[in-house]
Protein backbone atom coordinates (compact mmCIF):
# COMPACT_ATOMS: atom_id res chain seq x y z
CA MET A 1 -3.44 -9.15 12.90
CA THR A 2 -3.60 -12.65 11.34
CA ASP A 3 -7.19 -12.81 9.53
CA LEU A 4 -7.86 -13.69 5.85
CA ALA A 5 -10.82 -11.41 6.08
CA VAL A 6 -8.85 -8.40 5.49
CA ARG A 7 -7.79 -10.08 1.94
CA SER A 8 -11.58 -10.26 1.02
CA ILE A 9 -12.48 -6.60 1.97
CA PRO A 10 -13.67 -5.08 -1.16
CA PHE A 11 -12.45 -1.46 -2.56
CA ALA A 12 -12.64 0.11 -6.01
CA ASP A 13 -9.83 -0.02 -8.61
CA ALA A 14 -9.03 3.01 -10.57
CA GLU A 15 -11.68 2.36 -13.12
CA GLY A 16 -14.52 1.82 -10.37
CA HIS A 17 -14.66 -1.83 -10.53
CA GLU A 18 -14.49 -3.69 -7.27
CA LYS A 19 -11.75 -5.69 -6.22
CA THR A 20 -10.29 -7.57 -3.05
CA LEU A 21 -6.39 -8.00 -2.21
CA ASP A 22 -7.13 -11.57 -3.43
CA ASP A 23 -8.36 -10.44 -6.58
CA LEU A 24 -4.78 -9.02 -7.48
CA GLY A 25 -3.45 -12.28 -7.63
CA ALA A 26 -0.73 -11.73 -5.20
CA GLU A 27 0.12 -13.94 -2.50
CA VAL A 28 1.90 -10.68 -0.67
CA VAL A 29 0.57 -7.24 -1.00
CA LEU A 30 2.12 -3.84 0.29
CA VAL A 31 -0.54 -1.71 0.65
CA VAL A 32 0.35 2.21 0.47
CA ASN A 33 -1.60 5.27 0.65
CA VAL A 34 0.00 7.45 -1.82
CA ALA A 35 -0.09 11.19 -2.87
CA SER A 36 1.55 12.95 -5.57
CA LYS A 37 2.29 16.53 -3.90
CA CYS A 38 4.14 15.20 -1.10
CA GLY A 39 7.76 15.39 0.00
CA LEU A 40 7.57 11.31 0.46
CA THR A 41 6.07 11.22 -3.49
CA PRO A 42 9.64 10.02 -4.56
CA GLN A 43 8.87 6.93 -2.64
CA TYR A 44 7.08 5.77 -5.85
CA ALA A 45 10.14 4.95 -7.25
CA GLN A 46 11.15 2.58 -4.89
CA LEU A 47 7.85 0.91 -4.49
CA GLU A 48 8.28 0.53 -8.42
CA GLU A 49 11.54 -1.23 -7.63
CA LEU A 50 9.83 -3.59 -5.19
CA GLN A 51 7.36 -4.40 -7.53
CA ARG A 52 9.90 -5.08 -10.63
CA THR A 53 11.68 -6.89 -8.08
CA TYR A 54 9.44 -9.44 -6.53
CA GLY A 55 6.26 -9.05 -8.95
CA ASP A 56 7.03 -12.65 -10.92
CA ARG A 57 7.07 -14.15 -7.11
CA GLY A 58 3.97 -13.54 -6.33
CA PHE A 59 4.14 -9.82 -4.51
CA THR A 60 2.11 -6.36 -5.55
CA VAL A 61 2.07 -3.27 -4.12
CA VAL A 62 -0.95 -1.46 -4.45
CA GLY A 63 -1.66 2.18 -4.13
CA PHE A 64 -4.57 3.87 -2.36
CA PRO A 65 -4.48 7.65 -3.25
CA CYS A 66 -5.42 9.81 -0.17
CA ASN A 67 -6.31 13.53 -0.20
CA GLN A 68 -6.32 13.75 3.67
CA PHE A 69 -3.16 15.16 4.24
CA PHE A 70 -3.33 18.60 3.79
CA GLY A 71 -4.60 18.16 0.18
CA GLN A 72 -1.46 16.40 -1.44
CA GLU A 73 -3.47 14.38 -3.76
CA PRO A 74 -5.99 16.44 -5.34
CA GLY A 75 -6.25 15.35 -8.69
CA SER A 76 -8.76 13.40 -10.56
CA MET A 77 -8.08 9.73 -11.02
CA ASP A 78 -6.82 10.30 -14.52
CA GLU A 79 -4.45 12.91 -13.44
CA ILE A 80 -3.30 10.63 -10.70
CA LEU A 81 -2.52 7.73 -12.93
CA GLU A 82 -0.71 9.98 -15.68
CA PHE A 83 1.48 11.16 -12.91
CA CYS A 84 2.17 7.92 -11.70
CA SER A 85 2.92 6.59 -14.95
CA THR A 86 4.90 9.18 -16.41
CA THR A 87 6.76 10.26 -13.67
CA TYR A 88 7.61 7.07 -12.04
CA GLY A 89 6.65 4.29 -14.58
CA VAL A 90 4.46 2.85 -12.02
CA SER A 91 3.08 -0.83 -13.18
CA PHE A 92 1.54 -1.99 -9.75
CA PRO A 93 -1.98 -1.37 -9.25
CA ILE A 94 -3.36 2.24 -8.26
CA ALA A 95 -6.80 2.18 -6.40
CA ASP A 96 -9.78 4.69 -6.32
CA LYS A 97 -9.17 7.54 -3.60
CA VAL A 98 -10.01 6.66 -0.25
CA LYS A 99 -9.97 8.14 3.23
CA VAL A 100 -7.55 6.18 5.86
CA ASN A 101 -8.85 8.01 8.76
CA GLY A 102 -11.90 9.27 10.78
CA ARG A 103 -15.38 8.21 10.53
CA ASN A 104 -15.33 7.69 6.86
CA ALA A 105 -12.20 5.79 6.68
CA HIS A 106 -12.51 3.09 3.94
CA ALA A 107 -13.11 -0.50 5.66
CA LEU A 108 -9.64 -1.82 4.41
CA TYR A 109 -7.97 1.08 6.25
CA LYS A 110 -10.10 0.38 9.37
CA ALA A 111 -9.05 -3.17 9.66
CA LEU A 112 -5.19 -2.29 8.72
CA THR A 113 -4.80 0.25 11.37
CA GLN A 114 -5.78 -1.94 13.98
CA THR A 115 -2.27 -3.46 13.53
CA PRO A 116 0.57 -2.00 15.38
CA ASP A 117 3.81 -0.91 14.34
CA ALA A 118 7.45 -1.91 15.30
CA ALA A 119 6.92 0.44 18.76
CA GLY A 120 3.64 -1.28 19.31
CA LYS A 121 1.50 1.44 17.92
CA ALA A 122 -1.63 1.13 16.27
CA GLY A 123 -4.59 3.48 15.01
CA ARG A 124 -4.60 6.30 12.95
CA VAL A 125 -2.44 6.49 9.69
CA GLU A 126 0.42 9.05 10.52
CA TRP A 127 0.87 10.60 6.78
CA ASN A 128 0.98 9.68 3.12
CA PHE A 129 3.03 6.44 2.20
CA GLU A 130 2.38 4.65 5.52
CA LYS A 131 2.67 1.00 4.47
CA PHE A 132 1.14 -2.20 5.29
CA LEU A 133 2.52 -5.59 4.07
CA VAL A 134 -0.26 -8.08 3.97
CA GLY A 135 0.61 -11.80 3.61
CA ALA A 136 -1.25 -14.54 2.08
CA ASP A 137 -2.57 -16.02 5.48
CA GLY A 138 -3.82 -12.21 6.10
CA SER A 139 -1.03 -11.52 8.71
CA VAL A 140 -0.35 -7.81 8.46
CA ARG A 141 2.92 -5.60 9.45
CA ARG A 142 2.84 -1.87 9.47
CA PHE A 143 5.65 0.33 8.48
CA ARG A 144 5.19 3.91 9.07
CA PRO A 145 5.38 6.69 6.38
CA LYS A 146 9.36 8.18 6.49
CA GLN A 147 10.56 4.13 6.51
CA LYS A 148 11.40 3.88 2.75
CA PRO A 149 10.29 0.83 0.75
CA ASP A 150 13.88 -0.08 0.34
CA ASP A 151 14.76 0.02 3.85
CA PRO A 152 16.51 -3.34 4.63
CA GLU A 153 13.71 -4.23 7.38
CA ILE A 154 10.67 -3.93 4.78
CA VAL A 155 13.02 -5.85 2.20
CA ALA A 156 13.39 -8.72 4.82
CA ALA A 157 9.72 -8.57 5.69
CA VAL A 158 8.73 -9.19 1.94
CA GLU A 159 11.24 -11.83 1.40
CA SER A 160 10.33 -13.43 4.45
CA ALA A 161 6.43 -13.51 3.42
CA LEU A 162 7.35 -14.67 0.15
CA GLY A 163 9.59 -17.58 1.13
CA VAL A 164 12.53 -15.82 -0.53
CA GLY A 165 15.84 -16.90 0.84
CA ALA A 166 18.04 -14.47 2.58
CA ARG A 167 20.27 -12.42 0.26
């Protein structure tokens, strides 16, 4: 998917203010549906490491809390923000809770899930911590939940999108 429109789809931030990916001031955005009570929750640490490594180069992670997978994000926004801050030192933006699948899926996720993963499969978000890398040009790359944020393929994709030379 190469469509600048995905960068302009509005969503609510944690305070309820309308934002778009373009409003985040980053050329490259890693959109991740997050949850506090999931076996994959430790990925927050790796997401924060990506943020600290590339944040000053035009990159940001944005977390979208989602409670659609076995109720693994049941807290209020205040509880979610407190958890992220105290447990993982999260400095990247956390948006308001969204649905990522189904009829009531957020418009951003309806657009993002049209993008196939490396195996060519598009459609529903499989689980918490599915990742969508959105480039400045609106291009999207999809990474499934079990692929950790520090996976060399994800790091290379971030660096490529930012125009960073090989390590």
